[in-house]
N, C-alpha and C. Protein backbone atom coordinates (compact mmCIF):
# COMPACT_ATOMS: atom_id res chain seq x y z
N MET A 1 15.15 8.50 91.96
CA MET A 1 14.17 9.51 92.27
C MET A 1 14.81 10.88 92.09
N SER A 2 14.06 11.81 91.51
CA SER A 2 14.58 13.13 91.22
C SER A 2 14.32 14.09 92.37
N ASN A 3 15.23 15.03 92.53
CA ASN A 3 15.06 16.08 93.54
C ASN A 3 14.47 17.34 92.92
N LEU A 4 13.93 17.22 91.73
CA LEU A 4 13.36 18.35 91.02
C LEU A 4 12.15 18.88 91.78
N VAL A 5 12.16 20.17 92.04
CA VAL A 5 11.04 20.81 92.72
C VAL A 5 10.32 21.67 91.69
N VAL A 6 9.06 21.40 91.50
CA VAL A 6 8.25 22.17 90.56
C VAL A 6 7.50 23.23 91.35
N PRO A 7 7.72 24.50 91.02
CA PRO A 7 7.03 25.56 91.77
C PRO A 7 5.53 25.50 91.52
N ARG A 8 4.77 25.73 92.56
CA ARG A 8 3.31 25.75 92.44
C ARG A 8 2.88 27.09 91.88
N ARG A 9 1.87 27.05 91.04
CA ARG A 9 1.34 28.29 90.49
C ARG A 9 0.45 28.95 91.53
N GLU A 10 0.55 30.27 91.59
CA GLU A 10 -0.25 31.06 92.53
C GLU A 10 -1.73 31.00 92.12
N VAL A 11 -2.57 30.65 93.07
CA VAL A 11 -4.01 30.62 92.82
C VAL A 11 -4.66 31.64 93.73
N GLY A 12 -5.47 32.51 93.13
CA GLY A 12 -6.13 33.55 93.91
C GLY A 12 -7.42 33.04 94.56
N SER A 13 -8.09 33.91 95.28
CA SER A 13 -9.32 33.55 95.97
C SER A 13 -10.44 33.19 94.99
N ASP A 14 -10.30 33.62 93.73
CA ASP A 14 -11.30 33.29 92.71
C ASP A 14 -10.97 31.99 91.98
N ALA A 15 -9.98 31.26 92.46
CA ALA A 15 -9.54 29.97 91.91
C ALA A 15 -8.86 30.09 90.55
N LEU A 16 -8.53 31.30 90.14
CA LEU A 16 -7.81 31.50 88.89
C LEU A 16 -6.32 31.69 89.18
N HIS A 17 -5.52 31.18 88.28
CA HIS A 17 -4.08 31.44 88.37
C HIS A 17 -3.85 32.89 87.93
N ARG A 18 -2.76 33.46 88.37
CA ARG A 18 -2.46 34.87 88.09
C ARG A 18 -2.53 35.16 86.59
N THR A 19 -1.92 34.33 85.77
CA THR A 19 -1.91 34.56 84.32
C THR A 19 -3.32 34.48 83.76
N GLU A 20 -4.11 33.52 84.21
CA GLU A 20 -5.49 33.40 83.74
C GLU A 20 -6.27 34.67 84.07
N ARG A 21 -6.10 35.17 85.27
CA ARG A 21 -6.79 36.39 85.69
C ARG A 21 -6.36 37.57 84.83
N GLN A 22 -5.05 37.68 84.57
CA GLN A 22 -4.55 38.79 83.75
C GLN A 22 -5.10 38.72 82.33
N VAL A 23 -5.11 37.51 81.76
CA VAL A 23 -5.62 37.34 80.39
C VAL A 23 -7.09 37.75 80.34
N LEU A 24 -7.89 37.25 81.27
CA LEU A 24 -9.32 37.56 81.24
C LEU A 24 -9.60 39.04 81.51
N ASP A 25 -8.82 39.66 82.36
CA ASP A 25 -8.99 41.10 82.60
C ASP A 25 -8.72 41.90 81.33
N LEU A 26 -7.63 41.56 80.64
CA LEU A 26 -7.31 42.27 79.39
C LEU A 26 -8.36 41.99 78.32
N TRP A 27 -8.83 40.74 78.25
CA TRP A 27 -9.85 40.36 77.26
C TRP A 27 -11.13 41.18 77.51
N ASP A 28 -11.51 41.32 78.78
CA ASP A 28 -12.70 42.10 79.12
C ASP A 28 -12.54 43.57 78.78
N GLN A 29 -11.29 44.04 78.71
CA GLN A 29 -11.02 45.43 78.33
C GLN A 29 -11.00 45.61 76.82
N GLY A 30 -11.18 44.50 76.09
CA GLY A 30 -11.23 44.58 74.63
C GLY A 30 -9.91 44.36 73.93
N VAL A 31 -8.89 43.93 74.66
CA VAL A 31 -7.59 43.66 74.05
C VAL A 31 -7.68 42.31 73.34
N GLY A 32 -7.12 42.22 72.13
CA GLY A 32 -7.15 40.99 71.35
C GLY A 32 -6.07 40.01 71.76
N TYR A 33 -6.11 38.81 71.16
CA TYR A 33 -5.16 37.74 71.49
C TYR A 33 -3.71 38.21 71.42
N ARG A 34 -3.37 38.78 70.28
CA ARG A 34 -1.97 39.18 70.09
C ARG A 34 -1.54 40.27 71.07
N GLY A 35 -2.44 41.20 71.33
CA GLY A 35 -2.13 42.25 72.28
C GLY A 35 -1.93 41.72 73.69
N ILE A 36 -2.78 40.79 74.08
CA ILE A 36 -2.65 40.17 75.40
C ILE A 36 -1.34 39.39 75.47
N ALA A 37 -1.07 38.61 74.44
CA ALA A 37 0.16 37.81 74.40
C ALA A 37 1.39 38.70 74.51
N ALA A 38 1.38 39.81 73.79
CA ALA A 38 2.52 40.73 73.82
C ALA A 38 2.68 41.37 75.19
N LYS A 39 1.57 41.80 75.78
CA LYS A 39 1.63 42.46 77.10
C LYS A 39 2.12 41.52 78.18
N LEU A 40 1.71 40.24 78.10
CA LEU A 40 2.05 39.29 79.16
C LEU A 40 3.26 38.42 78.83
N GLY A 41 3.75 38.52 77.59
CA GLY A 41 4.91 37.72 77.21
C GLY A 41 4.61 36.24 77.11
N ILE A 42 3.41 35.91 76.64
CA ILE A 42 3.03 34.51 76.46
C ILE A 42 2.57 34.28 75.03
N ASP A 43 2.43 33.04 74.65
CA ASP A 43 2.03 32.68 73.29
C ASP A 43 0.55 33.01 73.07
N ALA A 44 0.21 33.47 71.88
CA ALA A 44 -1.18 33.81 71.56
C ALA A 44 -2.08 32.58 71.66
N ARG A 45 -1.54 31.39 71.39
CA ARG A 45 -2.34 30.17 71.52
C ARG A 45 -2.71 29.90 72.98
N THR A 46 -1.82 30.29 73.89
CA THR A 46 -2.12 30.15 75.32
C THR A 46 -3.25 31.09 75.69
N VAL A 47 -3.20 32.30 75.17
CA VAL A 47 -4.25 33.28 75.41
C VAL A 47 -5.58 32.73 74.92
N GLN A 48 -5.60 32.22 73.70
CA GLN A 48 -6.83 31.69 73.12
C GLN A 48 -7.36 30.52 73.94
N SER A 49 -6.48 29.68 74.41
CA SER A 49 -6.88 28.53 75.23
C SER A 49 -7.52 28.99 76.54
N ILE A 50 -6.92 29.96 77.19
CA ILE A 50 -7.47 30.47 78.45
C ILE A 50 -8.83 31.11 78.22
N ILE A 51 -8.94 31.90 77.19
CA ILE A 51 -10.21 32.57 76.90
C ILE A 51 -11.29 31.55 76.58
N SER A 52 -10.95 30.55 75.79
CA SER A 52 -11.92 29.52 75.45
C SER A 52 -12.39 28.77 76.68
N LYS A 53 -11.48 28.54 77.59
CA LYS A 53 -11.78 27.78 78.81
C LYS A 53 -12.73 28.53 79.73
N PHE A 54 -12.54 29.84 79.88
CA PHE A 54 -13.28 30.60 80.87
C PHE A 54 -14.35 31.53 80.32
N ASP A 55 -14.22 31.94 79.09
CA ASP A 55 -15.13 32.95 78.56
C ASP A 55 -16.26 32.33 77.75
N GLY A 56 -16.35 31.03 77.72
CA GLY A 56 -17.40 30.37 76.97
C GLY A 56 -17.15 30.38 75.48
N GLY A 57 -15.94 30.68 75.08
CA GLY A 57 -15.60 30.69 73.67
C GLY A 57 -14.74 31.87 73.32
N SER A 58 -13.97 31.72 72.29
CA SER A 58 -13.06 32.79 71.91
C SER A 58 -13.39 33.33 70.53
N ASP A 59 -14.59 33.08 70.08
CA ASP A 59 -14.99 33.48 68.74
C ASP A 59 -15.26 34.99 68.68
N SER A 60 -14.44 35.70 67.96
CA SER A 60 -14.59 37.16 67.85
C SER A 60 -15.93 37.52 67.22
N ALA A 61 -16.38 36.72 66.27
CA ALA A 61 -17.66 37.00 65.63
C ALA A 61 -18.80 36.92 66.64
N THR A 62 -18.72 35.97 67.56
CA THR A 62 -19.74 35.85 68.59
C THR A 62 -19.74 37.08 69.47
N ARG A 63 -18.56 37.52 69.87
CA ARG A 63 -18.47 38.73 70.71
C ARG A 63 -19.04 39.94 69.97
N PHE A 64 -18.77 40.03 68.68
CA PHE A 64 -19.28 41.13 67.87
C PHE A 64 -20.81 41.08 67.81
N ARG A 65 -21.36 39.89 67.56
CA ARG A 65 -22.82 39.74 67.50
C ARG A 65 -23.46 40.12 68.82
N GLU A 66 -22.86 39.69 69.92
CA GLU A 66 -23.41 40.02 71.24
C GLU A 66 -23.39 41.53 71.48
N ALA A 67 -22.30 42.17 71.12
CA ALA A 67 -22.19 43.63 71.29
C ALA A 67 -23.21 44.35 70.41
N THR A 68 -23.38 43.87 69.20
CA THR A 68 -24.35 44.47 68.28
C THR A 68 -25.76 44.31 68.81
N THR A 69 -26.06 43.13 69.33
CA THR A 69 -27.39 42.88 69.90
C THR A 69 -27.66 43.81 71.07
N ARG A 70 -26.67 43.98 71.96
CA ARG A 70 -26.84 44.89 73.09
C ARG A 70 -27.07 46.32 72.61
N SER A 71 -26.29 46.75 71.63
CA SER A 71 -26.42 48.12 71.11
C SER A 71 -27.78 48.32 70.46
N THR A 72 -28.24 47.34 69.72
CA THR A 72 -29.54 47.43 69.07
C THR A 72 -30.64 47.52 70.11
N ALA A 73 -30.55 46.72 71.15
CA ALA A 73 -31.55 46.74 72.22
C ALA A 73 -31.57 48.11 72.90
N GLN A 74 -30.41 48.69 73.13
CA GLN A 74 -30.33 50.01 73.75
C GLN A 74 -30.94 51.08 72.84
N LEU A 75 -30.67 50.98 71.56
CA LEU A 75 -31.23 51.94 70.60
C LEU A 75 -32.75 51.83 70.55
N LEU A 76 -33.27 50.61 70.49
CA LEU A 76 -34.72 50.42 70.47
C LEU A 76 -35.37 50.95 71.75
N ALA A 77 -34.74 50.73 72.88
CA ALA A 77 -35.27 51.25 74.15
C ALA A 77 -35.32 52.77 74.12
N ALA A 78 -34.29 53.40 73.59
CA ALA A 78 -34.25 54.87 73.49
C ALA A 78 -35.34 55.38 72.55
N ILE A 79 -35.55 54.70 71.44
CA ILE A 79 -36.60 55.09 70.48
C ILE A 79 -37.97 54.96 71.13
N ASN A 80 -38.19 53.84 71.81
CA ASN A 80 -39.48 53.63 72.48
C ASN A 80 -39.73 54.66 73.57
N ALA A 81 -38.70 55.03 74.31
CA ALA A 81 -38.84 56.04 75.35
C ALA A 81 -39.20 57.39 74.73
N LEU A 82 -38.57 57.71 73.60
CA LEU A 82 -38.85 58.97 72.92
C LEU A 82 -40.28 58.99 72.38
N ARG A 83 -40.71 57.87 71.82
CA ARG A 83 -42.09 57.77 71.30
C ARG A 83 -43.11 57.92 72.42
N ALA A 84 -42.80 57.38 73.60
CA ALA A 84 -43.71 57.49 74.73
C ALA A 84 -43.87 58.94 75.19
N LYS A 85 -42.82 59.71 75.09
CA LYS A 85 -42.85 61.13 75.47
C LYS A 85 -43.58 61.98 74.45
N HIS A 86 -43.49 61.59 73.18
CA HIS A 86 -44.06 62.38 72.08
C HIS A 86 -44.93 61.48 71.19
N PRO A 87 -46.14 61.16 71.69
CA PRO A 87 -47.01 60.26 70.90
C PRO A 87 -47.50 60.87 69.61
């Protein structure tokens, strides 16, 4: 039998490990895989794995489409508001 003690990873009140929380925070700030990996000193594949696990996917194209859709909706709302003021 081994006397090896494996340290437990810190889990926060949100049930995320510290590294997972850091990765997701940076991802939400718009930092890419490589940037997150460099800042945290971890492998970019680890970053991608964490993002895929918690963010519903790591597809940059999907994030771009979602951002474009939001921007388009905001622009249309502004146009409609302007038309309502000046029929």
